[in-house]
Amino acid sequence: MPGYTWTVHRNMLKNSKYLSATGVQSSGFNRLSTLQVVKREKGDTVEYEVKSSGFGASAPWLSDYTDKTLARSLRGLQDYYDTMASTYSNHAISLQRGREIKD
């Protein structure tokens, strides 16, 4: 994700199969988006967990997604946000139509 400035968090445990990184998108001093990626190795299996938060340094995590590859995890999180945007947009349109005065 080249649009983020990344910090890799060092794990102090020896033989740990856990890696974490946090990426930040900002404009000036404003934090626009935060993305955290965690890679876990469990035996022969690798999983990637991604989660993101919105505007501000103390914004809560909005959602997370876990899959077998980093690309699939990021796509899953993006697809979830696209689905939620569509759902909320449809509800907003219904409310707007309900408020309109009928002739």
C-alpha atoms as a PDB file:
ATOM      1  CA  MET A   1       0.000   0.000   0.000  1.00  0.00           C
ATOM      2  CA  PRO A   2       2.161   2.830  -1.278  1.00  0.00           C
ATOM      3  CA  GLY A   3      -0.293   5.554  -0.237  1.00  0.00           C
ATOM      4  CA  TYR A   4       0.532   4.966   3.438  1.00  0.00           C
ATOM      5  CA  THR A   5       3.586   5.826   5.538  1.00  0.00           C
ATOM      6  CA  TRP A   6       4.532   2.604   7.323  1.00  0.00           C
ATOM      7  CA  THR A   7       5.973   1.748  10.729  1.00  0.00           C
ATOM      8  CA  VAL A   8       6.967  -1.858  11.386  1.00  0.00           C
ATOM      9  CA  HIS A   9       6.557  -2.886  15.028  1.00  0.00           C
ATOM     10  CA  ARG A  10       9.323  -5.055  16.366  1.00  0.00           C
ATOM     11  CA  ASN A  11       8.382  -8.154  18.308  1.00  0.00           C
ATOM     12  CA  MET A  12      10.737  -8.723  21.220  1.00  0.00           C
ATOM     13  CA  LEU A  13       9.950 -12.428  21.632  1.00  0.00           C
ATOM     14  CA  LYS A  14      12.484 -14.817  20.121  1.00  0.00           C
ATOM     15  CA  ASN A  15      11.133 -17.394  17.671  1.00  0.00           C
ATOM     16  CA  SER A  16       7.924 -15.370  17.367  1.00  0.00           C
ATOM     17  CA  LYS A  17       5.958 -15.854  14.192  1.00  0.00           C
ATOM     18  CA  TYR A  18       4.112 -12.558  14.507  1.00  0.00           C
ATOM     19  CA  LEU A  19       4.776  -9.341  12.582  1.00  0.00           C
ATOM     20  CA  SER A  20       2.839  -6.087  12.837  1.00  0.00           C
ATOM     21  CA  ALA A  21       2.923  -2.832  10.859  1.00  0.00           C
ATOM     22  CA  THR A  22       0.861   0.342  10.955  1.00  0.00           C
ATOM     23  CA  GLY A  23       0.336   2.602   7.952  1.00  0.00           C
ATOM     24  CA  VAL A  24      -0.934   6.173   8.128  1.00  0.00           C
ATOM     25  CA  GLN A  25      -2.391   8.418   5.422  1.00  0.00           C
ATOM     26  CA  SER A  26      -2.240  12.079   6.317  1.00  0.00           C
ATOM     27  CA  SER A  27      -2.714  15.515   4.885  1.00  0.00           C
ATOM     28  CA  GLY A  28      -0.601  18.058   6.709  1.00  0.00           C
ATOM     29  CA  PHE A  29      -1.058  17.316  10.398  1.00  0.00           C
ATOM     30  CA  ASN A  30      -4.410  15.582   9.867  1.00  0.00           C
ATOM     31  CA  ARG A  31      -4.510  11.799  10.024  1.00  0.00           C
ATOM     32  CA  LEU A  32      -6.991  10.667   7.378  1.00  0.00           C
ATOM     33  CA  SER A  33      -6.716   6.899   7.663  1.00  0.00           C
ATOM     34  CA  THR A  34      -4.856   4.282   9.683  1.00  0.00           C
ATOM     35  CA  LEU A  35      -4.299   0.725   8.495  1.00  0.00           C
ATOM     36  CA  GLN A  36      -2.838  -2.017  10.670  1.00  0.00           C
ATOM     37  CA  VAL A  37      -1.527  -5.292   9.240  1.00  0.00           C
ATOM     38  CA  VAL A  38      -0.677  -8.313  11.383  1.00  0.00           C
ATOM     39  CA  LYS A  39       0.963 -11.414   9.918  1.00  0.00           C
ATOM     40  CA  ARG A  40       0.703 -14.604  11.969  1.00  0.00           C
ATOM     41  CA  GLU A  41       2.285 -17.941  11.230  1.00  0.00           C
ATOM     42  CA  LYS A  42       0.567 -20.965  12.745  1.00  0.00           C
ATOM     43  CA  GLY A  43       2.461 -24.085  11.781  1.00  0.00           C
ATOM     44  CA  ASP A  44       2.445 -24.223   7.993  1.00  0.00           C
ATOM     45  CA  THR A  45      -0.388 -21.712   7.737  1.00  0.00           C
ATOM     46  CA  VAL A  46       0.033 -17.955   7.369  1.00  0.00           C
ATOM     47  CA  GLU A  47      -2.797 -15.504   7.990  1.00  0.00           C
ATOM     48  CA  TYR A  48      -3.017 -11.758   7.581  1.00  0.00           C
ATOM     49  CA  GLU A  49      -5.327  -9.609   9.661  1.00  0.00           C
ATOM     50  CA  VAL A  50      -5.985  -6.064   8.493  1.00  0.00           C
ATOM     51  CA  LYS A  51      -7.999  -3.389  10.236  1.00  0.00           C
ATOM     52  CA  SER A  52      -8.512   0.284   9.649  1.00  0.00           C
ATOM     53  CA  SER A  53      -9.750   3.406  11.325  1.00  0.00           C
ATOM     54  CA  GLY A  54     -10.842   6.750  10.013  1.00  0.00           C
ATOM     55  CA  PHE A  55     -10.008  10.378  10.700  1.00  0.00           C
ATOM     56  CA  GLY A  56      -7.879  11.219  13.737  1.00  0.00           C
ATOM     57  CA  ALA A  57      -5.175   9.530  15.787  1.00  0.00           C
ATOM     58  CA  SER A  58      -7.593   8.173  18.392  1.00  0.00           C
ATOM     59  CA  ALA A  59     -10.336   7.045  16.005  1.00  0.00           C
ATOM     60  CA  PRO A  60     -11.741   3.592  16.794  1.00  0.00           C
ATOM     61  CA  TRP A  61     -11.108   0.655  14.481  1.00  0.00           C
ATOM     62  CA  LEU A  62     -13.952   0.488  11.962  1.00  0.00           C
ATOM     63  CA  SER A  63     -13.593  -3.130  10.926  1.00  0.00           C
ATOM     64  CA  ASP A  64     -11.126  -5.945  10.379  1.00  0.00           C
ATOM     65  CA  TYR A  65     -10.673  -8.836   7.972  1.00  0.00           C
ATOM     66  CA  THR A  66      -8.476 -11.940   8.034  1.00  0.00           C
ATOM     67  CA  ASP A  67      -7.435 -14.151   5.121  1.00  0.00           C
ATOM     68  CA  LYS A  68      -4.571 -16.279   3.819  1.00  0.00           C
ATOM     69  CA  THR A  69      -2.810 -13.543   1.838  1.00  0.00           C
ATOM     70  CA  LEU A  70      -2.312  -9.841   2.378  1.00  0.00           C
ATOM     71  CA  ALA A  71      -3.968  -8.994  -0.945  1.00  0.00           C
ATOM     72  CA  ARG A  72      -7.066 -11.067  -0.118  1.00  0.00           C
ATOM     73  CA  SER A  73      -7.299  -9.515   3.347  1.00  0.00           C
ATOM     74  CA  LEU A  74      -7.134  -5.986   1.964  1.00  0.00           C
ATOM     75  CA  ARG A  75      -9.656  -6.806  -0.776  1.00  0.00           C
ATOM     76  CA  GLY A  76     -12.011  -8.385   1.775  1.00  0.00           C
ATOM     77  CA  LEU A  77     -11.878  -5.284   3.969  1.00  0.00           C
ATOM     78  CA  GLN A  78     -12.445  -3.010   0.966  1.00  0.00           C
ATOM     79  CA  ASP A  79     -15.369  -5.154  -0.242  1.00  0.00           C
ATOM     80  CA  TYR A  80     -16.922  -4.961   3.224  1.00  0.00           C
ATOM     81  CA  TYR A  81     -16.661  -1.150   3.221  1.00  0.00           C
ATOM     82  CA  ASP A  82     -18.130  -0.996  -0.306  1.00  0.00           C
ATOM     83  CA  THR A  83     -21.078  -3.157   0.814  1.00  0.00           C
ATOM     84  CA  MET A  84     -21.694  -1.019   3.884  1.00  0.00           C
ATOM     85  CA  ALA A  85     -21.462   2.199   1.828  1.00  0.00           C
ATOM     86  CA  SER A  86     -24.068   0.861  -0.568  1.00  0.00           C
ATOM     87  CA  THR A  87     -26.334  -0.225   2.282  1.00  0.00           C
ATOM     88  CA  TYR A  88     -26.157   3.122   4.055  1.00  0.00           C
ATOM     89  CA  SER A  89     -26.554   5.021   0.786  1.00  0.00           C
ATOM     90  CA  ASN A  90     -29.758   3.103   0.012  1.00  0.00           C
ATOM     91  CA  HIS A  91     -31.137   3.869   3.474  1.00  0.00           C
ATOM     92  CA  ALA A  92     -30.256   7.558   3.118  1.00  0.00           C
ATOM     93  CA  ILE A  93     -32.036   7.719  -0.253  1.00  0.00           C
ATOM     94  CA  SER A  94     -35.131   6.055   1.242  1.00  0.00           C
ATOM     95  CA  LEU A  95     -35.209   8.579   4.087  1.00  0.00           C
ATOM     96  CA  GLN A  96     -34.764  11.472   1.670  1.00  0.00           C
ATOM     97  CA  ARG A  97     -37.628  10.245  -0.504  1.00  0.00           C
ATOM     98  CA  GLY A  98     -39.795   9.824   2.587  1.00  0.00           C
ATOM     99  CA  ARG A  99     -39.199  13.457   3.582  1.00  0.00           C
ATOM    100  CA  GLU A 100     -40.118  14.909   0.179  1.00  0.00           C
ATOM    101  CA  ILE A 101     -43.461  16.614  -0.135  1.00  0.00           C
ATOM    102  CA  LYS A 102     -45.723  14.888  -2.631  1.00  0.00           C
ATOM    103  CA  ASP A 103     -47.930  16.990  -4.899  1.00  0.00           C
END
